[in-house]
Structure formats: structure tokens, C-alpha cells
Amino acid sequence: MAALLCLRRTGRYCYDLGDHVRRLKTETLALRPRTVQHVMRAAHHVGTPVEVLGESHPGIVIHVGIGWEKPDPYPAAWYVVATPALGVCRAHGADEVESVAPPT
């Protein structure tokens, strides 16, 4: 029997639209435009080649969003990364994504 996987941000085993809307409203209220600009300057940009923690193949950032969760003191970038070698696109937190080192 396959193990059930829960959603990372909610810990639930299925998506709940109401919970998503409440979470988005809370996060949006906490995100000040100046803070979002600061985070976006430091974030990887769309098209950036990246390595994802635990993945064996590099990927490419295809979407960047700024999110905030209690009890984190500051908002952070969240990424959608396409990994062509695996044929998948997945969401990852800022702590899971690093720039691919240029060849030396």
C-alpha cells in the first residue's frame, strides 16, 4: 500500500479551498509592498537554473511567489521549479533551492 503524502503547508491529506483562501488573506495582509520588493530582489528569477535539495537533476525556476507564514518573522520566496529530466514541476521553499554553480 502506498504511503499517503500530506500537503506541506497545511499538513492535511487533501486540498481545502476555504483554508487556502484564509491563509492567502492572512499572508497578503502581512506583506508590505516594500518588503516584497526587497525579497524579490534577493530571490532567484524566472529562468534561473537551480539545484533542489535532494534532487539528482538541476531544474529551472518557472514561477516565483512571495509568501509568509506564522511564526516566520519575514516573508520568503517560494518557487515552482521545472525539472525536465524528471518530467515534473514542483513547488519549493527558499531553503530548498540554490543557484547552479557556473562551470569552472
PDB file of N, CA and C in Angstrom:
ATOM      1  N   MET A   1       0.846  -1.181   0.000  1.00  0.00           N
ATOM      2  CA  MET A   1       0.000   0.000   0.000  1.00  0.00           C
ATOM      3  C   MET A   1       0.894   1.249   0.000  1.00  0.00           C
ATOM      4  N   ALA A   2       0.572   2.213  -0.828  1.00  0.00           N
ATOM      5  CA  ALA A   2       1.358   3.445  -0.923  1.00  0.00           C
ATOM      6  C   ALA A   2       1.126   4.325   0.297  1.00  0.00           C
ATOM      7  N   ALA A   3       2.170   5.021   0.696  1.00  0.00           N
ATOM      8  CA  ALA A   3       2.054   5.942   1.826  1.00  0.00           C
ATOM      9  C   ALA A   3       1.311   7.201   1.381  1.00  0.00           C
ATOM     10  N   LEU A   4       0.469   7.722   2.266  1.00  0.00           N
ATOM     11  CA  LEU A   4      -0.236   8.963   1.971  1.00  0.00           C
ATOM     12  C   LEU A   4       0.701  10.138   2.198  1.00  0.00           C
ATOM     13  N   LEU A   5       0.693  11.057   1.285  1.00  0.00           N
ATOM     14  CA  LEU A   5       1.503  12.258   1.412  1.00  0.00           C
ATOM     15  C   LEU A   5       0.608  13.425   1.788  1.00  0.00           C
ATOM     16  N   CYS A   6       1.056  14.209   2.741  1.00  0.00           N
ATOM     17  CA  CYS A   6       0.249  15.366   3.130  1.00  0.00           C
ATOM     18  C   CYS A   6       0.798  16.634   2.481  1.00  0.00           C
ATOM     19  N   LEU A   7      -0.048  17.638   2.409  1.00  0.00           N
ATOM     20  CA  LEU A   7       0.347  18.921   1.854  1.00  0.00           C
ATOM     21  C   LEU A   7       1.319  19.603   2.805  1.00  0.00           C
ATOM     22  N   ARG A   8       2.368  20.156   2.272  1.00  0.00           N
ATOM     23  CA  ARG A   8       3.448  20.733   3.062  1.00  0.00           C
ATOM     24  C   ARG A   8       2.986  21.856   3.983  1.00  0.00           C
ATOM     25  N   ARG A   9       2.232  22.788   3.467  1.00  0.00           N
ATOM     26  CA  ARG A   9       1.910  23.981   4.251  1.00  0.00           C
ATOM     27  C   ARG A   9       0.785  23.768   5.243  1.00  0.00           C
ATOM     28  N   THR A  10      -0.142  22.853   4.971  1.00  0.00           N
ATOM     29  CA  THR A  10      -1.275  22.669   5.873  1.00  0.00           C
ATOM     30  C   THR A  10      -1.174  21.412   6.711  1.00  0.00           C
ATOM     31  N   GLY A  11      -0.405  20.445   6.263  1.00  0.00           N
ATOM     32  CA  GLY A  11      -0.319  19.168   6.964  1.00  0.00           C
ATOM     33  C   GLY A  11      -1.523  18.277   6.708  1.00  0.00           C
ATOM     34  N   ARG A  12      -2.421  18.703   5.848  1.00  0.00           N
ATOM     35  CA  ARG A  12      -3.618  17.916   5.530  1.00  0.00           C
ATOM     36  C   ARG A  12      -3.342  16.973   4.374  1.00  0.00           C
ATOM     37  N   TYR A  13      -4.211  15.973   4.245  1.00  0.00           N
ATOM     38  CA  TYR A  13      -4.063  14.994   3.180  1.00  0.00           C
ATOM     39  C   TYR A  13      -4.860  15.341   1.930  1.00  0.00           C
ATOM     40  N   CYS A  14      -5.654  16.428   2.011  1.00  0.00           N
ATOM     41  CA  CYS A  14      -6.376  16.866   0.822  1.00  0.00           C
ATOM     42  C   CYS A  14      -6.456  18.391   0.830  1.00  0.00           C
ATOM     43  N   TYR A  15      -6.666  18.943  -0.342  1.00  0.00           N
ATOM     44  CA  TYR A  15      -6.721  20.387  -0.530  1.00  0.00           C
ATOM     45  C   TYR A  15      -8.052  20.915  -0.027  1.00  0.00           C
ATOM     46  N   ASP A  16      -8.024  22.050   0.670  1.00  0.00           N
ATOM     47  CA  ASP A  16      -9.231  22.694   1.181  1.00  0.00           C
ATOM     48  C   ASP A  16      -9.236  24.134   0.687  1.00  0.00           C
ATOM     49  N   LEU A  17     -10.158  24.464  -0.215  1.00  0.00           N
ATOM     50  CA  LEU A  17     -10.201  25.796  -0.807  1.00  0.00           C
ATOM     51  C   LEU A  17     -10.397  26.877   0.255  1.00  0.00           C
ATOM     52  N   GLY A  18     -11.277  26.659   1.218  1.00  0.00           N
ATOM     53  CA  GLY A  18     -11.517  27.643   2.277  1.00  0.00           C
ATOM     54  C   GLY A  18     -10.265  27.922   3.080  1.00  0.00           C
ATOM     55  N   ASP A  19      -9.520  26.874   3.410  1.00  0.00           N
ATOM     56  CA  ASP A  19      -8.271  27.047   4.146  1.00  0.00           C
ATOM     57  C   ASP A  19      -7.271  27.833   3.303  1.00  0.00           C
ATOM     58  N   HIS A  20      -7.218  27.540   2.016  1.00  0.00           N
ATOM     59  CA  HIS A  20      -6.303  28.240   1.117  1.00  0.00           C
ATOM     60  C   HIS A  20      -6.634  29.736   1.073  1.00  0.00           C
ATOM     61  N   VAL A  21      -7.914  30.077   0.961  1.00  0.00           N
ATOM     62  CA  VAL A  21      -8.334  31.471   0.894  1.00  0.00           C
ATOM     63  C   VAL A  21      -8.006  32.185   2.202  1.00  0.00           C
ATOM     64  N   ARG A  22      -8.275  31.557   3.353  1.00  0.00           N
ATOM     65  CA  ARG A  22      -7.947  32.169   4.654  1.00  0.00           C
ATOM     66  C   ARG A  22      -6.447  32.394   4.795  1.00  0.00           C
ATOM     67  N   ARG A  23      -5.656  31.421   4.420  1.00  0.00           N
ATOM     68  CA  ARG A  23      -4.192  31.529   4.510  1.00  0.00           C
ATOM     69  C   ARG A  23      -3.688  32.645   3.592  1.00  0.00           C
ATOM     70  N   LEU A  24      -4.206  32.708   2.371  1.00  0.00           N
ATOM     71  CA  LEU A  24      -3.787  33.731   1.419  1.00  0.00           C
ATOM     72  C   LEU A  24      -4.134  35.127   1.935  1.00  0.00           C
ATOM     73  N   LYS A  25      -5.314  35.282   2.518  1.00  0.00           N
ATOM     74  CA  LYS A  25      -5.719  36.584   3.055  1.00  0.00           C
ATOM     75  C   LYS A  25      -4.798  37.005   4.193  1.00  0.00           C
ATOM     76  N   THR A  26      -4.476  36.079   5.094  1.00  0.00           N
ATOM     77  CA  THR A  26      -3.579  36.375   6.209  1.00  0.00           C
ATOM     78  C   THR A  26      -2.198  36.768   5.699  1.00  0.00           C
ATOM     79  N   GLU A  27      -1.678  36.015   4.749  1.00  0.00           N
ATOM     80  CA  GLU A  27      -0.355  36.311   4.205  1.00  0.00           C
ATOM     81  C   GLU A  27      -0.334  37.647   3.479  1.00  0.00           C
ATOM     82  N   THR A  28      -1.363  37.923   2.699  1.00  0.00           N
ATOM     83  CA  THR A  28      -1.412  39.162   1.930  1.00  0.00           C
ATOM     84  C   THR A  28      -1.431  40.378   2.840  1.00  0.00           C
ATOM     85  N   LEU A  29      -2.152  40.305   3.941  1.00  0.00           N
ATOM     86  CA  LEU A  29      -2.199  41.421   4.881  1.00  0.00           C
ATOM     87  C   LEU A  29      -0.829  41.700   5.477  1.00  0.00           C
ATOM     88  N   ALA A  30      -0.024  40.661   5.648  1.00  0.00           N
ATOM     89  CA  ALA A  30       1.284  40.812   6.280  1.00  0.00           C
ATOM     90  C   ALA A  30       2.365  41.276   5.310  1.00  0.00           C
ATOM     91  N   LEU A  31       2.091  41.196   4.025  1.00  0.00           N
ATOM     92  CA  LEU A  31       3.110  41.516   3.030  1.00  0.00           C
ATOM     93  C   LEU A  31       3.037  42.984   2.628  1.00  0.00           C
ATOM     94  N   ARG A  32       3.961  43.754   3.119  1.00  0.00           N
ATOM     95  CA  ARG A  32       4.046  45.167   2.747  1.00  0.00           C
ATOM     96  C   ARG A  32       4.800  45.268   1.416  1.00  0.00           C
ATOM     97  N   PRO A  33       4.368  46.166   0.535  1.00  0.00           N
ATOM     98  CA  PRO A  33       4.995  46.271  -0.790  1.00  0.00           C
ATOM     99  C   PRO A  33       6.516  46.446  -0.737  1.00  0.00           C
ATOM    100  N   ARG A  34       7.006  47.253   0.184  1.00  0.00           N
ATOM    101  CA  ARG A  34       8.453  47.473   0.263  1.00  0.00           C
ATOM    102  C   ARG A  34       9.194  46.187   0.657  1.00  0.00           C
ATOM    103  N   THR A  35       8.604  45.415   1.574  1.00  0.00           N
ATOM    104  CA  THR A  35       9.215  44.150   1.989  1.00  0.00           C
ATOM    105  C   THR A  35       9.212  43.160   0.833  1.00  0.00           C
ATOM    106  N   VAL A  36       8.117  43.099   0.096  1.00  0.00           N
ATOM    107  CA  VAL A  36       8.023  42.203  -1.055  1.00  0.00           C
ATOM    108  C   VAL A  36       9.086  42.567  -2.088  1.00  0.00           C
ATOM    109  N   GLN A  37       9.281  43.851  -2.348  1.00  0.00           N
ATOM    110  CA  GLN A  37      10.313  44.282  -3.300  1.00  0.00           C
ATOM    111  C   GLN A  37      11.697  43.831  -2.844  1.00  0.00           C
ATOM    112  N   HIS A  38      11.962  43.954  -1.559  1.00  0.00           N
ATOM    113  CA  HIS A  38      13.264  43.551  -1.009  1.00  0.00           C
ATOM    114  C   HIS A  38      13.479  42.044  -1.192  1.00  0.00           C
ATOM    115  N   VAL A  39      12.467  41.264  -0.889  1.00  0.00           N
ATOM    116  CA  VAL A  39      12.578  39.808  -1.033  1.00  0.00           C
ATOM    117  C   VAL A  39      12.749  39.433  -2.502  1.00  0.00           C
ATOM    118  N   MET A  40      12.007  40.081  -3.384  1.00  0.00           N
ATOM    119  CA  MET A  40      12.102  39.766  -4.813  1.00  0.00           C
ATOM    120  C   MET A  40      13.480  40.088  -5.381  1.00  0.00           C
ATOM    121  N   ARG A  41      14.129  41.130  -4.874  1.00  0.00           N
ATOM    122  CA  ARG A  41      15.489  41.450  -5.349  1.00  0.00           C
ATOM    123  C   ARG A  41      16.466  40.336  -4.994  1.00  0.00           C
ATOM    124  N   ALA A  42      16.250  39.692  -3.860  1.00  0.00           N
ATOM    125  CA  ALA A  42      17.161  38.638  -3.411  1.00  0.00           C
ATOM    126  C   ALA A  42      16.787  37.260  -3.966  1.00  0.00           C
ATOM    127  N   ALA A  43      15.594  37.130  -4.525  1.00  0.00           N
ATOM    128  CA  ALA A  43      15.104  35.829  -4.988  1.00  0.00           C
ATOM    129  C   ALA A  43      15.720  35.433  -6.326  1.00  0.00           C
ATOM    130  N   HIS A  44      15.684  34.122  -6.603  1.00  0.00           N
ATOM    131  CA  HIS A  44      16.034  33.632  -7.937  1.00  0.00           C
ATOM    132  C   HIS A  44      14.940  34.106  -8.887  1.00  0.00           C
ATOM    133  N   HIS A  45      15.318  34.443 -10.100  1.00  0.00           N
ATOM    134  CA  HIS A  45      14.353  34.946 -11.070  1.00  0.00           C
ATOM    135  C   HIS A  45      13.906  33.839 -12.012  1.00  0.00           C
ATOM    136  N   VAL A  46      12.767  34.033 -12.654  1.00  0.00           N
ATOM    137  CA  VAL A  46      12.266  33.071 -13.631  1.00  0.00           C
ATOM    138  C   VAL A  46      13.342  32.844 -14.688  1.00  0.00           C
ATOM    139  N   GLY A  47      13.593  31.586 -15.001  1.00  0.00           N
ATOM    140  CA  GLY A  47      14.610  31.220 -15.978  1.00  0.00           C
ATOM    141  C   GLY A  47      15.955  30.853 -15.363  1.00  0.00           C
ATOM    142  N   THR A  48      16.105  31.062 -14.046  1.00  0.00           N
ATOM    143  CA  THR A  48      17.370  30.754 -13.373  1.00  0.00           C
ATOM    144  C   THR A  48      17.539  29.244 -13.229  1.00  0.00           C
ATOM    145  N   PRO A  49      18.686  28.684 -13.661  1.00  0.00           N
ATOM    146  CA  PRO A  49      18.961  27.269 -13.411  1.00  0.00           C
ATOM    147  C   PRO A  49      19.285  27.080 -11.919  1.00  0.00           C
ATOM    148  N   VAL A  50      18.668  26.089 -11.303  1.00  0.00           N
ATOM    149  CA  VAL A  50      18.853  25.861  -9.871  1.00  0.00           C
ATOM    150  C   VAL A  50      19.024  24.379  -9.561  1.00  0.00           C
ATOM    151  N   GLU A  51      19.584  24.146  -8.390  1.00  0.00           N
ATOM    152  CA  GLU A  51      19.625  22.798  -7.825  1.00  0.00           C
ATOM    153  C   GLU A  51      18.620  22.771  -6.692  1.00  0.00           C
ATOM    154  N   VAL A  52      17.917  21.657  -6.556  1.00  0.00           N
ATOM    155  CA  VAL A  52      16.928  21.497  -5.500  1.00  0.00           C
ATOM    156  C   VAL A  52      17.451  20.448  -4.525  1.00  0.00           C
ATOM    157  N   LEU A  53      17.404  20.790  -3.246  1.00  0.00           N
ATOM    158  CA  LEU A  53      17.859  19.887  -2.195  1.00  0.00           C
ATOM    159  C   LEU A  53      17.203  18.520  -2.349  1.00  0.00           C
ATOM    160  N   GLY A  54      18.022  17.480  -2.439  1.00  0.00           N
ATOM    161  CA  GLY A  54      17.512  16.121  -2.539  1.00  0.00           C
ATOM    162  C   GLY A  54      17.213  15.639  -3.944  1.00  0.00           C
ATOM    163  N   GLU A  55      17.299  16.510  -4.932  1.00  0.00           N
ATOM    164  CA  GLU A  55      17.050  16.109  -6.324  1.00  0.00           C
ATOM    165  C   GLU A  55      18.373  15.796  -7.011  1.00  0.00           C
ATOM    166  N   SER A  56      18.349  14.828  -7.895  1.00  0.00           N
ATOM    167  CA  SER A  56      19.576  14.433  -8.587  1.00  0.00           C
ATOM    168  C   SER A  56      19.818  15.221  -9.872  1.00  0.00           C
ATOM    169  N   HIS A  57      18.833  15.989 -10.313  1.00  0.00           N
ATOM    170  CA  HIS A  57      18.954  16.745 -11.558  1.00  0.00           C
ATOM    171  C   HIS A  57      18.642  18.219 -11.309  1.00  0.00           C
ATOM    172  N   PRO A  58      19.311  19.120 -12.036  1.00  0.00           N
ATOM    173  CA  PRO A  58      19.001  20.551 -11.892  1.00  0.00           C
ATOM    174  C   PRO A  58      17.651  20.866 -12.514  1.00  0.00           C
ATOM    175  N   GLY A  59      17.131  22.027 -12.155  1.00  0.00           N
ATOM    176  CA  GLY A  59      15.859  22.472 -12.704  1.00  0.00           C
ATOM    177  C   GLY A  59      15.943  23.936 -13.081  1.00  0.00           C
ATOM    178  N   ILE A  60      14.803  24.482 -13.488  1.00  0.00           N
ATOM    179  CA  ILE A  60      14.714  25.877 -13.902  1.00  0.00           C
ATOM    180  C   ILE A  60      13.519  26.507 -13.191  1.00  0.00           C
ATOM    181  N   VAL A  61      13.735  27.674 -12.613  1.00  0.00           N
ATOM    182  CA  VAL A  61      12.645  28.391 -11.947  1.00  0.00           C
ATOM    183  C   VAL A  61      11.652  28.862 -13.011  1.00  0.00           C
ATOM    184  N   ILE A  62      10.369  28.489 -12.838  1.00  0.00           N
ATOM    185  CA  ILE A  62       9.352  28.929 -13.801  1.00  0.00           C
ATOM    186  C   ILE A  62       8.326  29.869 -13.161  1.00  0.00           C
ATOM    187  N   HIS A  63       8.345  29.990 -11.832  1.00  0.00           N
ATOM    188  CA  HIS A  63       7.440  30.927 -11.146  1.00  0.00           C
ATOM    189  C   HIS A  63       8.033  31.269  -9.784  1.00  0.00           C
ATOM    190  N   VAL A  64       7.883  32.534  -9.386  1.00  0.00           N
ATOM    191  CA  VAL A  64       8.328  32.988  -8.069  1.00  0.00           C
ATOM    192  C   VAL A  64       7.146  33.665  -7.387  1.00  0.00           C
ATOM    193  N   GLY A  65       6.880  33.275  -6.156  1.00  0.00           N
ATOM    194  CA  GLY A  65       5.840  33.916  -5.369  1.00  0.00           C
ATOM    195  C   GLY A  65       6.396  34.247  -3.998  1.00  0.00           C
ATOM    196  N   ILE A  66       5.860  35.274  -3.379  1.00  0.00           N
ATOM    197  CA  ILE A  66       6.311  35.643  -2.046  1.00  0.00           C
ATOM    198  C   ILE A  66       5.220  35.235  -1.060  1.00  0.00           C
ATOM    199  N   GLY A  67       5.616  34.522  -0.033  1.00  0.00           N
ATOM    200  CA  GLY A  67       4.665  34.066   0.969  1.00  0.00           C
ATOM    201  C   GLY A  67       5.190  34.320   2.371  1.00  0.00           C
ATOM    202  N   TRP A  68       4.274  34.280   3.319  1.00  0.00           N
ATOM    203  CA  TRP A  68       4.643  34.475   4.715  1.00  0.00           C
ATOM    204  C   TRP A  68       3.780  33.562   5.557  1.00  0.00           C
ATOM    205  N   GLU A  69       4.379  32.927   6.525  1.00  0.00           N
ATOM    206  CA  GLU A  69       3.674  32.059   7.454  1.00  0.00           C
ATOM    207  C   GLU A  69       4.035  32.410   8.875  1.00  0.00           C
ATOM    208  N   LYS A  70       3.071  32.332   9.764  1.00  0.00           N
ATOM    209  CA  LYS A  70       3.387  32.421  11.187  1.00  0.00           C
ATOM    210  C   LYS A  70       4.197  31.180  11.505  1.00  0.00           C
ATOM    211  N   PRO A  71       5.145  31.142  12.286  1.00  0.00           N
ATOM    212  CA  PRO A  71       5.768  32.146  13.126  1.00  0.00           C
ATOM    213  C   PRO A  71       6.999  32.787  12.482  1.00  0.00           C
ATOM    214  N   ASP A  72       7.177  32.616  11.152  1.00  0.00           N
ATOM    215  CA  ASP A  72       8.344  33.207  10.494  1.00  0.00           C
ATOM    216  C   ASP A  72       8.327  34.725  10.655  1.00  0.00           C
ATOM    217  N   PRO A  73       9.476  35.318  10.948  1.00  0.00           N
ATOM    218  CA  PRO A  73       9.493  36.772  11.143  1.00  0.00           C
ATOM    219  C   PRO A  73       9.394  37.560   9.834  1.00  0.00           C
ATOM    220  N   TYR A  74       9.786  36.959   8.711  1.00  0.00           N
ATOM    221  CA  TYR A  74       9.812  37.678   7.442  1.00  0.00           C
ATOM    222  C   TYR A  74       9.222  36.813   6.329  1.00  0.00           C
ATOM    223  N   PRO A  75       8.741  37.448   5.266  1.00  0.00           N
ATOM    224  CA  PRO A  75       8.286  36.677   4.109  1.00  0.00           C
ATOM    225  C   PRO A  75       9.469  36.055   3.377  1.00  0.00           C
ATOM    226  N   ALA A  76       9.170  35.072   2.549  1.00  0.00           N
ATOM    227  CA  ALA A  76      10.222  34.387   1.797  1.00  0.00           C
ATOM    228  C   ALA A  76       9.716  34.049   0.398  1.00  0.00           C
ATOM    229  N   ALA A  77      10.650  33.821  -0.502  1.00  0.00           N
ATOM    230  CA  ALA A  77      10.300  33.421  -1.864  1.00  0.00           C
ATOM    231  C   ALA A  77       9.916  31.943  -1.875  1.00  0.00           C
ATOM    232  N   TRP A  78       8.895  31.636  -2.653  1.00  0.00           N
ATOM    233  CA  TRP A  78       8.514  30.254  -2.943  1.00  0.00           C
ATOM    234  C   TRP A  78       8.633  30.093  -4.447  1.00  0.00           C
ATOM    235  N   TYR A  79       9.113  28.950  -4.870  1.00  0.00           N
ATOM    236  CA  TYR A  79       9.403  28.733  -6.282  1.00  0.00           C
ATOM    237  C   TYR A  79       8.636  27.540  -6.835  1.00  0.00           C
ATOM    238  N   VAL A  80       8.325  27.626  -8.124  1.00  0.00           N
ATOM    239  CA  VAL A  80       7.928  26.445  -8.881  1.00  0.00           C
ATOM    240  C   VAL A  80       9.111  26.167  -9.796  1.00  0.00           C
ATOM    241  N   VAL A  81       9.635  24.953  -9.677  1.00  0.00           N
ATOM    242  CA  VAL A  81      10.830  24.568 -10.433  1.00  0.00           C
ATOM    243  C   VAL A  81      10.472  23.420 -11.376  1.00  0.00           C
ATOM    244  N   ALA A  82      10.785  23.606 -12.647  1.00  0.00           N
ATOM    245  CA  ALA A  82      10.614  22.546 -13.642  1.00  0.00           C
ATOM    246  C   ALA A  82      11.912  21.749 -13.702  1.00  0.00           C
ATOM    247  N   THR A  83      11.777  20.436 -13.626  1.00  0.00           N
ATOM    248  CA  THR A  83      12.934  19.549 -13.741  1.00  0.00           C
ATOM    249  C   THR A  83      12.700  18.662 -14.964  1.00  0.00           C
ATOM    250  N   PRO A  84      13.162  19.103 -16.147  1.00  0.00           N
ATOM    251  CA  PRO A  84      12.882  18.373 -17.387  1.00  0.00           C
ATOM    252  C   PRO A  84      13.333  16.915 -17.367  1.00  0.00           C
ATOM    253  N   ALA A  85      14.485  16.641 -16.755  1.00  0.00           N
ATOM    254  CA  ALA A  85      14.996  15.270 -16.734  1.00  0.00           C
ATOM    255  C   ALA A  85      14.050  14.321 -15.998  1.00  0.00           C
ATOM    256  N   LEU A  86      13.268  14.850 -15.057  1.00  0.00           N
ATOM    257  CA  LEU A  86      12.324  14.025 -14.301  1.00  0.00           C
ATOM    258  C   LEU A  86      10.893  14.180 -14.817  1.00  0.00           C
ATOM    259  N   GLY A  87      10.686  15.168 -15.693  1.00  0.00           N
ATOM    260  CA  GLY A  87       9.355  15.405 -16.232  1.00  0.00           C
ATOM    261  C   GLY A  87       8.367  15.937 -15.207  1.00  0.00           C
ATOM    262  N   VAL A  88       8.863  16.751 -14.254  1.00  0.00           N
ATOM    263  CA  VAL A  88       7.982  17.277 -13.208  1.00  0.00           C
ATOM    264  C   VAL A  88       8.203  18.772 -12.975  1.00  0.00           C
ATOM    265  N   CYS A  89       7.180  19.398 -12.409  1.00  0.00           N
ATOM    266  CA  CYS A  89       7.260  20.759 -11.880  1.00  0.00           C
ATOM    267  C   CYS A  89       6.771  20.662 -10.441  1.00  0.00           C
ATOM    268  N   ARG A  90       7.523  21.252  -9.514  1.00  0.00           N
ATOM    269  CA  ARG A  90       7.138  21.186  -8.103  1.00  0.00           C
ATOM    270  C   ARG A  90       7.400  22.511  -7.419  1.00  0.00           C
ATOM    271  N   ALA A  91       6.641  22.753  -6.342  1.00  0.00           N
ATOM    272  CA  ALA A  91       6.849  23.940  -5.517  1.00  0.00           C
ATOM    273  C   ALA A  91       7.936  23.654  -4.496  1.00  0.00           C
ATOM    274  N   HIS A  92       8.772  24.664  -4.234  1.00  0.00           N
ATOM    275  CA  HIS A  92       9.851  24.530  -3.261  1.00  0.00           C
ATOM    276  C   HIS A  92      10.013  25.826  -2.485  1.00  0.00           C
ATOM    277  N   GLY A  93      10.374  25.698  -1.234  1.00  0.00           N
ATOM    278  CA  GLY A  93      10.669  26.857  -0.407  1.00  0.00           C
ATOM    279  C   GLY A  93      12.064  27.378  -0.690  1.00  0.00           C
ATOM    280  N   ALA A  94      12.321  28.587  -0.237  1.00  0.00           N
ATOM    281  CA  ALA A  94      13.613  29.239  -0.485  1.00  0.00           C
ATOM    282  C   ALA A  94      14.780  28.438   0.074  1.00  0.00           C
ATOM    283  N   ASP A  95      14.562  27.705   1.144  1.00  0.00           N
ATOM    284  CA  ASP A  95      15.645  26.947   1.763  1.00  0.00           C
ATOM    285  C   ASP A  95      15.965  25.651   1.014  1.00  0.00           C
ATOM    286  N   GLU A  96      15.213  25.343  -0.036  1.00  0.00           N
ATOM    287  CA  GLU A  96      15.439  24.111  -0.802  1.00  0.00           C
ATOM    288  C   GLU A  96      16.082  24.359  -2.159  1.00  0.00           C
ATOM    289  N   VAL A  97      16.243  25.619  -2.539  1.00  0.00           N
ATOM    290  CA  VAL A  97      16.689  25.969  -3.884  1.00  0.00           C
ATOM    291  C   VAL A  97      17.983  26.751  -3.832  1.00  0.00           C
ATOM    292  N   GLU A  98      18.963  26.324  -4.631  1.00  0.00           N
ATOM    293  CA  GLU A  98      20.256  27.033  -4.717  1.00  0.00           C
ATOM    294  C   GLU A  98      20.615  27.214  -6.180  1.00  0.00           C
ATOM    295  N   SER A  99      21.309  28.293  -6.479  1.00  0.00           N
ATOM    296  CA  SER A  99      21.776  28.530  -7.845  1.00  0.00           C
ATOM    297  C   SER A  99      22.718  27.425  -8.272  1.00  0.00           C
ATOM    298  N   VAL A 100      22.650  27.064  -9.545  1.00  0.00           N
ATOM    299  CA  VAL A 100      23.591  26.087 -10.098  1.00  0.00           C
ATOM    300  C   VAL A 100      24.926  26.805 -10.231  1.00  0.00           C
ATOM    301  N   ALA A 101      25.953  26.207  -9.700  1.00  0.00           N
ATOM    302  CA  ALA A 101      27.284  26.803  -9.798  1.00  0.00           C
ATOM    303  C   ALA A 101      27.742  26.815 -11.248  1.00  0.00           C
ATOM    304  N   PRO A 102      28.261  27.954 -11.722  1.00  0.00           N
ATOM    305  CA  PRO A 102      28.748  28.005 -13.101  1.00  0.00           C
ATOM    306  C   PRO A 102      29.953  27.062 -13.270  1.00  0.00           C
ATOM    307  N   PRO A 103      30.101  26.485 -14.459  1.00  0.00           N
ATOM    308  CA  PRO A 103      31.238  25.604 -14.697  1.00  0.00           C
ATOM    309  C   PRO A 103      32.564  26.331 -14.499  1.00  0.00           C
ATOM    310  N   THR A 104      33.524  25.644 -13.930  1.00  0.00           N
ATOM    311  CA  THR A 104      34.838  26.255 -13.685  1.00  0.00           C
ATOM    312  C   THR A 104      35.880  25.703 -14.618  1.00  0.00           C
TER     313      THR A 104
END
